Amino acid sequence: MILLCLGTFSLAACSGKHEGAARYRTNCGICHHNGEGMKGEIPPLIGRIDLIGSSAEGRHYLADVLLNGLNGPLDIRSVHYNFSMPSFRTRLSDHEIASILTYLAARGDSPTPPVFTAEEIAAVRAHPIPTSAVAEERRRLDQIHRLP
């Protein structure tokens, strides 16, 4: 497996991808499963994280979701969700959150998916906000350009 990765990616990218996958499985997969979610109950992630993370505001929002949690209604791909996602602020490091987001972004359809860094997660972590503010952040972004 490592030789296959070395043939395609740098060693750092390969190990980062595997770390992100492992972190995703143990922290996110319990609810989001393989990234497809559960229609009407748990939102899908695949094909969305790469698109949301394509702007600075979207990257900030995604970091806020993992660090601060998110509660309330969402409409995604014409499906209504009303769920509660916990905060991972005290359970995951900046590096771990960046690796999960990078892994999920790489699973989308973008030809050049965003790569998240521990430094940008740390900058967001420095300013905790309540889950209600995360939901408001999503509404503001959705008004600027419809979030997937």
Foldseek 3Di string as FASTA:
>chain_A
DQVVCVVPHPSVVVVLLVLLVVLCCVPPCVQQPPQCGDFQEGHGLAQFLQVLVPDPLSVLLLLLCQAAWAAAWDQDPNTIYGYTGHHCNPPDALSNSQSNSQNRQVRYDDPDGDRGDSVVSVVSSVDHDHNVVSVVSQVVVCVVPNGD
